């Protein structure tokens, strides 16, 4: 049986997304998959945007799929069932299925 989008991606998420090549970012609510056993859930406090993000937002390389939520360098405290201690502060480069 085929799962509904809500069943396939039940985790609610929020970001600032570009919806076209104008470069304007606006609030964006979306869903993502459940965490697996090897995943870590994090709360992002700050996120950097690099020049590659700007190229992507404006579709300057010609392969951007909108909407796009730019930024992947994040400062965050980890919290999950993985062996981290609560209140550690770490920097994680968040690139999934990209590079």
PDB file of N, CA and C in Angstrom:
ATOM      1  N   UNK A   1       0.838  -1.184   0.000  1.00  0.00           N
ATOM      2  CA  UNK A   1       0.000   0.000   0.000  1.00  0.00           C
ATOM      3  C   UNK A   1       0.885   1.250   0.000  1.00  0.00           C
ATOM      4  N   UNK A   2       0.509   2.241  -0.763  1.00  0.00           N
ATOM      5  CA  UNK A   2       1.264   3.480  -0.870  1.00  0.00           C
ATOM      6  C   UNK A   2       0.980   4.359   0.346  1.00  0.00           C
ATOM      7  N   UNK A   3       2.058   4.908   0.934  1.00  0.00           N
ATOM      8  CA  UNK A   3       1.893   5.796   2.084  1.00  0.00           C
ATOM      9  C   UNK A   3       1.524   7.198   1.621  1.00  0.00           C
ATOM     10  N   UNK A   4       0.729   7.881   2.430  1.00  0.00           N
ATOM     11  CA  UNK A   4       0.406   9.277   2.143  1.00  0.00           C
ATOM     12  C   UNK A   4       1.640  10.122   2.437  1.00  0.00           C
ATOM     13  N   UNK A   5       1.724  11.353   1.895  1.00  0.00           N
ATOM     14  CA  UNK A   5       2.870  12.216   2.207  1.00  0.00           C
ATOM     15  C   UNK A   5       3.046  12.436   3.711  1.00  0.00           C
ATOM     16  N   UNK A   6       1.937  12.510   4.441  1.00  0.00           N
ATOM     17  CA  UNK A   6       2.024  12.720   5.891  1.00  0.00           C
ATOM     18  C   UNK A   6       2.610  11.504   6.597  1.00  0.00           C
ATOM     19  N   UNK A   7       2.320  10.306   6.090  1.00  0.00           N
ATOM     20  CA  UNK A   7       2.887   9.082   6.670  1.00  0.00           C
ATOM     21  C   UNK A   7       4.337   8.909   6.257  1.00  0.00           C
ATOM     22  N   UNK A   8       4.663   9.270   5.030  1.00  0.00           N
ATOM     23  CA  UNK A   8       6.017   9.130   4.505  1.00  0.00           C
ATOM     24  C   UNK A   8       6.979  10.114   5.166  1.00  0.00           C
ATOM     25  N   UNK A   9       6.509  11.323   5.438  1.00  0.00           N
ATOM     26  CA  UNK A   9       7.333  12.392   6.016  1.00  0.00           C
ATOM     27  C   UNK A   9       6.577  13.049   7.166  1.00  0.00           C
ATOM     28  N   UNK A  10       6.538  12.407   8.340  1.00  0.00           N
ATOM     29  CA  UNK A  10       5.693  12.890   9.435  1.00  0.00           C
ATOM     30  C   UNK A  10       6.296  14.003  10.292  1.00  0.00           C
ATOM     31  N   UNK A  11       7.591  14.273  10.174  1.00  0.00           N
ATOM     32  CA  UNK A  11       8.238  15.276  11.014  1.00  0.00           C
ATOM     33  C   UNK A  11       8.031  16.674  10.436  1.00  0.00           C
ATOM     34  N   UNK A  12       7.412  17.541  11.204  1.00  0.00           N
ATOM     35  CA  UNK A  12       7.184  18.921  10.758  1.00  0.00           C
ATOM     36  C   UNK A  12       8.479  19.712  10.898  1.00  0.00           C
ATOM     37  N   UNK A  13       8.734  20.599   9.940  1.00  0.00           N
ATOM     38  CA  UNK A  13       9.956  21.403   9.942  1.00  0.00           C
ATOM     39  C   UNK A  13       9.636  22.810   9.435  1.00  0.00           C
ATOM     40  N   UNK A  14      10.564  23.727   9.696  1.00  0.00           N
ATOM     41  CA  UNK A  14      10.393  25.122   9.284  1.00  0.00           C
ATOM     42  C   UNK A  14      11.727  25.658   8.780  1.00  0.00           C
ATOM     43  N   UNK A  15      11.677  26.468   7.755  1.00  0.00           N
ATOM     44  CA  UNK A  15      12.871  27.117   7.235  1.00  0.00           C
ATOM     45  C   UNK A  15      12.487  28.361   6.454  1.00  0.00           C
ATOM     46  N   UNK A  16      13.487  29.030   5.936  1.00  0.00           N
ATOM     47  CA  UNK A  16      13.272  30.189   5.056  1.00  0.00           C
ATOM     48  C   UNK A  16      13.656  29.743   3.662  1.00  0.00           C
ATOM     49  N   UNK A  17      12.716  29.814   2.731  1.00  0.00           N
ATOM     50  CA  UNK A  17      12.916  29.246   1.397  1.00  0.00           C
ATOM     51  C   UNK A  17      12.778  30.285   0.301  1.00  0.00           C
ATOM     52  N   UNK A  18      13.559  30.061  -0.759  1.00  0.00           N
ATOM     53  CA  UNK A  18      13.355  30.780  -2.016  1.00  0.00           C
ATOM     54  C   UNK A  18      12.403  29.929  -2.846  1.00  0.00           C
ATOM     55  N   UNK A  19      11.436  30.567  -3.466  1.00  0.00           N
ATOM     56  CA  UNK A  19      10.452  29.839  -4.267  1.00  0.00           C
ATOM     57  C   UNK A  19      10.621  30.087  -5.762  1.00  0.00           C
ATOM     58  N   UNK A  20      11.558  31.005  -6.088  1.00  0.00           N
ATOM     59  CA  UNK A  20      11.845  31.329  -7.485  1.00  0.00           C
ATOM     60  C   UNK A  20      13.218  32.005  -7.523  1.00  0.00           C
ATOM     61  N   UNK A  21      13.757  32.307  -8.706  1.00  0.00           N
ATOM     62  CA  UNK A  21      15.111  32.866  -8.816  1.00  0.00           C
ATOM     63  C   UNK A  21      15.274  34.316  -8.343  1.00  0.00           C
ATOM     64  N   UNK A  22      14.242  34.940  -7.805  1.00  0.00           N
ATOM     65  CA  UNK A  22      14.372  36.325  -7.341  1.00  0.00           C
ATOM     66  C   UNK A  22      15.348  36.457  -6.177  1.00  0.00           C
ATOM     67  N   UNK A  23      15.554  35.380  -5.422  1.00  0.00           N
ATOM     68  CA  UNK A  23      16.439  35.431  -4.262  1.00  0.00           C
ATOM     69  C   UNK A  23      15.731  35.795  -2.974  1.00  0.00           C
ATOM     70  N   UNK A  24      14.446  36.098  -3.045  1.00  0.00           N
ATOM     71  CA  UNK A  24      13.675  36.451  -1.856  1.00  0.00           C
ATOM     72  C   UNK A  24      13.370  35.198  -1.051  1.00  0.00           C
ATOM     73  N   UNK A  25      13.649  35.258   0.268  1.00  0.00           N
ATOM     74  CA  UNK A  25      13.340  34.143   1.158  1.00  0.00           C
ATOM     75  C   UNK A  25      12.078  34.468   1.938  1.00  0.00           C
ATOM     76  N   UNK A  26      11.250  33.451   2.147  1.00  0.00           N
ATOM     77  CA  UNK A  26      10.020  33.624   2.913  1.00  0.00           C
ATOM     78  C   UNK A  26       9.833  32.406   3.816  1.00  0.00           C
ATOM     79  N   UNK A  27       9.014  32.542   4.875  1.00  0.00           N
ATOM     80  CA  UNK A  27       8.783  31.407   5.778  1.00  0.00           C
ATOM     81  C   UNK A  27       8.252  30.196   5.015  1.00  0.00           C
ATOM     82  N   UNK A  28       8.735  29.013   5.406  1.00  0.00           N
ATOM     83  CA  UNK A  28       8.393  27.798   4.675  1.00  0.00           C
ATOM     84  C   UNK A  28       8.226  26.641   5.653  1.00  0.00           C
ATOM     85  N   UNK A  29       7.031  26.088   5.709  1.00  0.00           N
ATOM     86  CA  UNK A  29       6.749  24.911   6.529  1.00  0.00           C
ATOM     87  C   UNK A  29       6.789  23.693   5.625  1.00  0.00           C
ATOM     88  N   UNK A  30       7.474  22.643   6.062  1.00  0.00           N
ATOM     89  CA  UNK A  30       7.574  21.431   5.266  1.00  0.00           C
ATOM     90  C   UNK A  30       7.676  20.228   6.190  1.00  0.00           C
ATOM     91  N   UNK A  31       7.673  19.049   5.613  1.00  0.00           N
ATOM     92  CA  UNK A  31       7.780  17.816   6.387  1.00  0.00           C
ATOM     93  C   UNK A  31       9.002  17.043   5.943  1.00  0.00           C
ATOM     94  N   UNK A  32       9.551  16.264   6.857  1.00  0.00           N
ATOM     95  CA  UNK A  32      10.694  15.417   6.528  1.00  0.00           C
ATOM     96  C   UNK A  32      10.463  14.029   7.104  1.00  0.00           C
ATOM     97  N   UNK A  33      11.320  13.094   6.720  1.00  0.00           N
ATOM     98  CA  UNK A  33      11.166  11.713   7.166  1.00  0.00           C
ATOM     99  C   UNK A  33      11.465  11.581   8.655  1.00  0.00           C
ATOM    100  N   UNK A  34      10.995  10.490   9.246  1.00  0.00           N
ATOM    101  CA  UNK A  34      11.320  10.165  10.633  1.00  0.00           C
ATOM    102  C   UNK A  34      12.817   9.899  10.754  1.00  0.00           C
ATOM    103  N   UNK A  35      13.393  10.157  11.913  1.00  0.00           N
ATOM    104  CA  UNK A  35      14.786   9.808  12.159  1.00  0.00           C
ATOM    105  C   UNK A  35      14.948   8.291  12.191  1.00  0.00           C
ATOM    106  N   UNK A  36      16.073   7.832  11.678  1.00  0.00           N
ATOM    107  CA  UNK A  36      16.434   6.424  11.784  1.00  0.00           C
ATOM    108  C   UNK A  36      17.310   6.215  13.013  1.00  0.00           C
ATOM    109  N   UNK A  37      17.737   4.980  13.221  1.00  0.00           N
ATOM    110  CA  UNK A  37      18.553   4.639  14.383  1.00  0.00           C
ATOM    111  C   UNK A  37      19.909   5.345  14.385  1.00  0.00           C
ATOM    112  N   UNK A  38      20.412   5.702  13.226  1.00  0.00           N
ATOM    113  CA  UNK A  38      21.723   6.343  13.117  1.00  0.00           C
ATOM    114  C   UNK A  38      21.625   7.863  13.000  1.00  0.00           C
ATOM    115  N   UNK A  39      20.434   8.426  13.075  1.00  0.00           N
ATOM    116  CA  UNK A  39      20.227   9.865  12.919  1.00  0.00           C
ATOM    117  C   UNK A  39      20.286  10.582  14.260  1.00  0.00           C
ATOM    118  N   UNK A  40      20.590  11.865  14.212  1.00  0.00           N
ATOM    119  CA  UNK A  40      20.608  12.733  15.389  1.00  0.00           C
ATOM    120  C   UNK A  40      19.657  13.881  15.119  1.00  0.00           C
ATOM    121  N   UNK A  41      18.803  14.191  16.071  1.00  0.00           N
ATOM    122  CA  UNK A  41      17.909  15.341  15.962  1.00  0.00           C
ATOM    123  C   UNK A  41      18.603  16.532  16.598  1.00  0.00           C
ATOM    124  N   UNK A  42      18.581  17.673  15.945  1.00  0.00           N
ATOM    125  CA  UNK A  42      19.251  18.862  16.460  1.00  0.00           C
ATOM    126  C   UNK A  42      18.323  20.064  16.361  1.00  0.00           C
ATOM    127  N   UNK A  43      18.549  21.011  17.224  1.00  0.00           N
ATOM    128  CA  UNK A  43      17.853  22.290  17.165  1.00  0.00           C
ATOM    129  C   UNK A  43      18.864  23.305  16.654  1.00  0.00           C
ATOM    130  N   UNK A  44      18.610  23.875  15.493  1.00  0.00           N
ATOM    131  CA  UNK A  44      19.563  24.810  14.896  1.00  0.00           C
ATOM    132  C   UNK A  44      19.345  26.193  15.489  1.00  0.00           C
ATOM    133  N   UNK A  45      20.415  26.756  16.048  1.00  0.00           N
ATOM    134  CA  UNK A  45      20.347  28.085  16.637  1.00  0.00           C
ATOM    135  C   UNK A  45      20.704  29.165  15.626  1.00  0.00           C
ATOM    136  N   UNK A  46      21.724  28.915  14.817  1.00  0.00           N
ATOM    137  CA  UNK A  46      22.183  29.874  13.815  1.00  0.00           C
ATOM    138  C   UNK A  46      22.614  29.097  12.583  1.00  0.00           C
ATOM    139  N   UNK A  47      22.433  29.679  11.416  1.00  0.00           N
ATOM    140  CA  UNK A  47      22.797  29.001  10.179  1.00  0.00           C
ATOM    141  C   UNK A  47      23.510  29.977   9.254  1.00  0.00           C
ATOM    142  N   UNK A  48      24.613  29.542   8.694  1.00  0.00           N
ATOM    143  CA  UNK A  48      25.345  30.369   7.750  1.00  0.00           C
ATOM    144  C   UNK A  48      24.900  30.103   6.325  1.00  0.00           C
ATOM    145  N   UNK A  49      25.052  31.095   5.488  1.00  0.00           N
ATOM    146  CA  UNK A  49      24.756  30.966   4.070  1.00  0.00           C
ATOM    147  C   UNK A  49      26.034  31.298   3.322  1.00  0.00           C
ATOM    148  N   UNK A  50      26.486  30.390   2.467  1.00  0.00           N
ATOM    149  CA  UNK A  50      27.715  30.632   1.709  1.00  0.00           C
ATOM    150  C   UNK A  50      27.358  31.115   0.301  1.00  0.00           C
ATOM    151  N   UNK A  51      28.377  31.496  -0.445  1.00  0.00           N
ATOM    152  CA  UNK A  51      28.126  32.034  -1.784  1.00  0.00           C
ATOM    153  C   UNK A  51      27.503  30.982  -2.708  1.00  0.00           C
ATOM    154  N   UNK A  52      27.826  29.713  -2.491  1.00  0.00           N
ATOM    155  CA  UNK A  52      27.197  28.646  -3.284  1.00  0.00           C
ATOM    156  C   UNK A  52      25.683  28.625  -3.068  1.00  0.00           C
ATOM    157  N   UNK A  53      25.260  28.915  -1.819  1.00  0.00           N
ATOM    158  CA  UNK A  53      23.821  29.001  -1.549  1.00  0.00           C
ATOM    159  C   UNK A  53      23.181  30.105  -2.389  1.00  0.00           C
ATOM    160  N   UNK A  54      23.861  31.236  -2.513  1.00  0.00           N
ATOM    161  CA  UNK A  54      23.314  32.343  -3.301  1.00  0.00           C
ATOM    162  C   UNK A  54      23.176  31.951  -4.769  1.00  0.00           C
ATOM    163  N   UNK A  55      24.192  31.252  -5.304  1.00  0.00           N
ATOM    164  CA  UNK A  55      24.087  30.760  -6.685  1.00  0.00           C
ATOM    165  C   UNK A  55      22.886  29.821  -6.829  1.00  0.00           C
ATOM    166  N   UNK A  56      22.702  28.950  -5.831  1.00  0.00           N
ATOM    167  CA  UNK A  56      21.598  27.991  -5.890  1.00  0.00           C
ATOM    168  C   UNK A  56      20.247  28.687  -5.806  1.00  0.00           C
ATOM    169  N   UNK A  57      20.115  29.628  -4.863  1.00  0.00           N
ATOM    170  CA  UNK A  57      18.848  30.344  -4.690  1.00  0.00           C
ATOM    171  C   UNK A  57      18.448  31.057  -5.972  1.00  0.00           C
ATOM    172  N   UNK A  58      19.415  31.642  -6.664  1.00  0.00           N
ATOM    173  CA  UNK A  58      19.115  32.402  -7.888  1.00  0.00           C
ATOM    174  C   UNK A  58      19.177  31.550  -9.155  1.00  0.00           C
ATOM    175  N   UNK A  59      19.366  30.247  -8.986  1.00  0.00           N
ATOM    176  CA  UNK A  59      19.439  29.302 -10.099  1.00  0.00           C
ATOM    177  C   UNK A  59      20.498  29.695 -11.128  1.00  0.00           C
ATOM    178  N   UNK A  60      21.626  30.194 -10.656  1.00  0.00           N
ATOM    179  CA  UNK A  60      22.698  30.622 -11.560  1.00  0.00           C
ATOM    180  C   UNK A  60      23.437  29.456 -12.195  1.00  0.00           C
ATOM    181  N   UNK A  61      23.280  28.270 -11.649  1.00  0.00           N
ATOM    182  CA  UNK A  61      23.898  27.079 -12.245  1.00  0.00           C
ATOM    183  C   UNK A  61      22.905  26.290 -13.091  1.00  0.00           C
ATOM    184  N   UNK A  62      21.642  26.697 -13.060  1.00  0.00           N
ATOM    185  CA  UNK A  62      20.645  26.126 -13.955  1.00  0.00           C
ATOM    186  C   UNK A  62      20.000  24.818 -13.528  1.00  0.00           C
ATOM    187  N   UNK A  63      20.203  24.365 -12.272  1.00  0.00           N
ATOM    188  CA  UNK A  63      19.573  23.104 -11.876  1.00  0.00           C
ATOM    189  C   UNK A  63      18.860  23.173 -10.519  1.00  0.00           C
ATOM    190  N   UNK A  64      18.523  24.371 -10.051  1.00  0.00           N
ATOM    191  CA  UNK A  64      17.823  24.507  -8.773  1.00  0.00           C
ATOM    192  C   UNK A  64      16.388  24.026  -8.901  1.00  0.00           C
ATOM    193  N   UNK A  65      15.948  23.280  -7.889  1.00  0.00           N
ATOM    194  CA  UNK A  65      14.546  22.851  -7.797  1.00  0.00           C
ATOM    195  C   UNK A  65      13.932  23.617  -6.633  1.00  0.00           C
ATOM    196  N   UNK A  66      12.896  24.371  -6.917  1.00  0.00           N
ATOM    197  CA  UNK A  66      12.237  25.204  -5.902  1.00  0.00           C
ATOM    198  C   UNK A  66      11.078  24.460  -5.265  1.00  0.00           C
ATOM    199  N   UNK A  67      10.768  24.752  -4.023  1.00  0.00           N
ATOM    200  CA  UNK A  67      11.440  25.689  -3.122  1.00  0.00           C
ATOM    201  C   UNK A  67      12.771  25.127  -2.636  1.00  0.00           C
ATOM    202  N   UNK A  68      13.687  26.040  -2.280  1.00  0.00           N
ATOM    203  CA  UNK A  68      15.001  25.660  -1.767  1.00  0.00           C
ATOM    204  C   UNK A  68      15.245  26.412  -0.459  1.00  0.00           C
ATOM    205  N   UNK A  69      15.699  25.688   0.550  1.00  0.00           N
ATOM    206  CA  UNK A  69      16.052  26.273   1.842  1.00  0.00           C
ATOM    207  C   UNK A  69      17.575  26.315   1.901  1.00  0.00           C
ATOM    208  N   UNK A  70      18.186  27.500   1.718  1.00  0.00           N
ATOM    209  CA  UNK A  70      19.643  27.582   1.686  1.00  0.00           C
ATOM    210  C   UNK A  70      20.252  27.522   3.084  1.00  0.00           C
ATOM    211  N   UNK A  71      21.541  27.230   3.124  1.00  0.00           N
ATOM    212  CA  UNK A  71      22.298  27.219   4.375  1.00  0.00           C
ATOM    213  C   UNK A  71      22.536  25.816   4.864  1.00  0.00           C
ATOM    214  N   UNK A  72      23.768  25.550   5.269  1.00  0.00           N
ATOM    215  CA  UNK A  72      24.060  24.215   5.784  1.00  0.00           C
ATOM    216  C   UNK A  72      25.105  24.212   6.892  1.00  0.00           C
ATOM    217  N   UNK A  73      25.803  25.299   7.150  1.00  0.00           N
ATOM    218  CA  UNK A  73      26.724  25.354   8.278  1.00  0.00           C
ATOM    219  C   UNK A  73      25.931  25.848   9.478  1.00  0.00           C
ATOM    220  N   UNK A  74      25.845  25.055  10.528  1.00  0.00           N
ATOM    221  CA  UNK A  74      24.952  25.390  11.637  1.00  0.00           C
ATOM    222  C   UNK A  74      25.644  25.244  12.982  1.00  0.00           C
ATOM    223  N   UNK A  75      25.300  26.123  13.912  1.00  0.00           N
ATOM    224  CA  UNK A  75      25.717  26.010  15.307  1.00  0.00           C
ATOM    225  C   UNK A  75      24.508  25.529  16.074  1.00  0.00           C
ATOM    226  N   UNK A  76      24.657  24.433  16.814  1.00  0.00           N
ATOM    227  CA  UNK A  76      23.486  23.826  17.424  1.00  0.00           C
ATOM    228  C   UNK A  76      23.845  22.980  18.631  1.00  0.00           C
ATOM    229  N   UNK A  77      22.871  22.792  19.527  1.00  0.00           N
ATOM    230  CA  UNK A  77      23.044  21.825  20.611  1.00  0.00           C
ATOM    231  C   UNK A  77      22.413  20.503  20.210  1.00  0.00           C
ATOM    232  N   UNK A  78      23.125  19.369  20.310  1.00  0.00           N
ATOM    233  CA  UNK A  78      22.511  18.098  19.927  1.00  0.00           C
ATOM    234  C   UNK A  78      21.586  17.565  21.008  1.00  0.00           C
ATOM    235  N   UNK A  79      20.552  16.899  20.594  1.00  0.00           N
ATOM    236  CA  UNK A  79      19.710  16.167  21.518  1.00  0.00           C
ATOM    237  C   UNK A  79      19.089  15.006  20.760  1.00  0.00           C
ATOM    238  N   UNK A  80      19.251  13.813  21.271  1.00  0.00           N
ATOM    239  CA  UNK A  80      18.747  12.627  20.592  1.00  0.00           C
ATOM    240  C   UNK A  80      18.979  11.410  21.454  1.00  0.00           C
ATOM    241  N   UNK A  81      18.682  10.233  20.878  1.00  0.00           N
ATOM    242  CA  UNK A  81      18.947   8.997  21.581  1.00  0.00           C
ATOM    243  C   UNK A  81      20.345   8.465  21.282  1.00  0.00           C
ATOM    244  N   UNK A  82      21.127   9.192  20.489  1.00  0.00           N
ATOM    245  CA  UNK A  82      22.501   8.805  20.195  1.00  0.00           C
ATOM    246  C   UNK A  82      23.369   9.246  21.377  1.00  0.00           C
ATOM    247  N   UNK A  83      24.563   8.712  21.504  1.00  0.00           N
ATOM    248  CA  UNK A  83      25.398   8.909  22.685  1.00  0.00           C
ATOM    249  C   UNK A  83      26.041  10.299  22.740  1.00  0.00           C
ATOM    250  N   UNK A  84      25.233  11.350  22.826  1.00  0.00           N
ATOM    251  CA  UNK A  84      25.696  12.710  23.058  1.00  0.00           C
ATOM    252  C   UNK A  84      25.219  13.128  24.433  1.00  0.00           C
ATOM    253  N   UNK A  85      25.884  14.110  24.995  1.00  0.00           N
ATOM    254  CA  UNK A  85      25.409  14.658  26.260  1.00  0.00           C
ATOM    255  C   UNK A  85      24.594  15.908  25.972  1.00  0.00           C
ATOM    256  N   UNK A  86      23.501  16.056  26.680  1.00  0.00           N
ATOM    257  CA  UNK A  86      22.656  17.222  26.522  1.00  0.00           C
ATOM    258  C   UNK A  86      23.470  18.477  26.843  1.00  0.00           C
ATOM    259  N   UNK A  87      23.240  19.518  26.094  1.00  0.00           N
ATOM    260  CA  UNK A  87      23.869  20.833  26.244  1.00  0.00           C
ATOM    261  C   UNK A  87      25.283  20.913  25.674  1.00  0.00           C
ATOM    262  N   UNK A  88      25.776  19.868  25.002  1.00  0.00           N
ATOM    263  CA  UNK A  88      27.005  20.027  24.240  1.00  0.00           C
ATOM    264  C   UNK A  88      26.682  20.989  23.108  1.00  0.00           C
ATOM    265  N   UNK A  89      27.624  21.791  22.717  1.00  0.00           N
ATOM    266  CA  UNK A  89      27.452  22.637  21.539  1.00  0.00           C
ATOM    267  C   UNK A  89      28.441  22.141  20.495  1.00  0.00           C
ATOM    268  N   UNK A  90      27.947  21.873  19.311  1.00  0.00           N
ATOM    269  CA  UNK A  90      28.782  21.337  18.240  1.00  0.00           C
ATOM    270  C   UNK A  90      28.484  22.086  16.946  1.00  0.00           C
ATOM    271  N   UNK A  91      29.402  21.978  16.010  1.00  0.00           N
ATOM    272  CA  UNK A  91      29.158  22.492  14.663  1.00  0.00           C
ATOM    273  C   UNK A  91      29.091  21.282  13.741  1.00  0.00           C
ATOM    274  N   UNK A  92      28.028  21.189  12.997  1.00  0.00           N
ATOM    275  CA  UNK A  92      27.835  20.088  12.062  1.00  0.00           C
ATOM    276  C   UNK A  92      27.594  20.687  10.680  1.00  0.00           C
ATOM    277  N   UNK A  93      28.297  20.159   9.692  1.00  0.00           N
ATOM    278  CA  UNK A  93      28.026  20.574   8.325  1.00  0.00           C
ATOM    279  C   UNK A  93      26.905  19.671   7.832  1.00  0.00           C
ATOM    280  N   UNK A  94      25.775  20.265   7.535  1.00  0.00           N
ATOM    281  CA  UNK A  94      24.572  19.504   7.204  1.00  0.00           C
ATOM    282  C   UNK A  94      24.398  19.470   5.697  1.00  0.00           C
ATOM    283  N   UNK A  95      24.925  18.433   5.069  1.00  0.00           N
ATOM    284  CA  UNK A  95      24.709  18.238   3.642  1.00  0.00           C
ATOM    285  C   UNK A  95      24.237  16.796   3.478  1.00  0.00           C
ATOM    286  N   UNK A  96      22.995  16.606   3.096  1.00  0.00           N
ATOM    287  CA  UNK A  96      22.437  15.282   2.943  1.00  0.00           C
ATOM    288  C   UNK A  96      22.085  15.077   1.480  1.00  0.00           C
ATOM    289  N   UNK A  97      22.604  14.029   0.890  1.00  0.00           N
ATOM    290  CA  UNK A  97      22.332  13.669  -0.501  1.00  0.00           C
ATOM    291  C   UNK A  97      22.668  14.812  -1.452  1.00  0.00           C
ATOM    292  N   UNK A  98      23.728  15.570  -1.188  1.00  0.00           N
ATOM    293  CA  UNK A  98      24.037  16.719  -2.028  1.00  0.00           C
ATOM    294  C   UNK A  98      25.413  16.590  -2.674  1.00  0.00           C
ATOM    295  N   UNK A  99      26.448  16.423  -1.863  1.00  0.00           N
ATOM    296  CA  UNK A  99      27.810  16.397  -2.414  1.00  0.00           C
ATOM    297  C   UNK A  99      28.347  14.987  -2.537  1.00  0.00           C
TER     298      UNK A  99
END
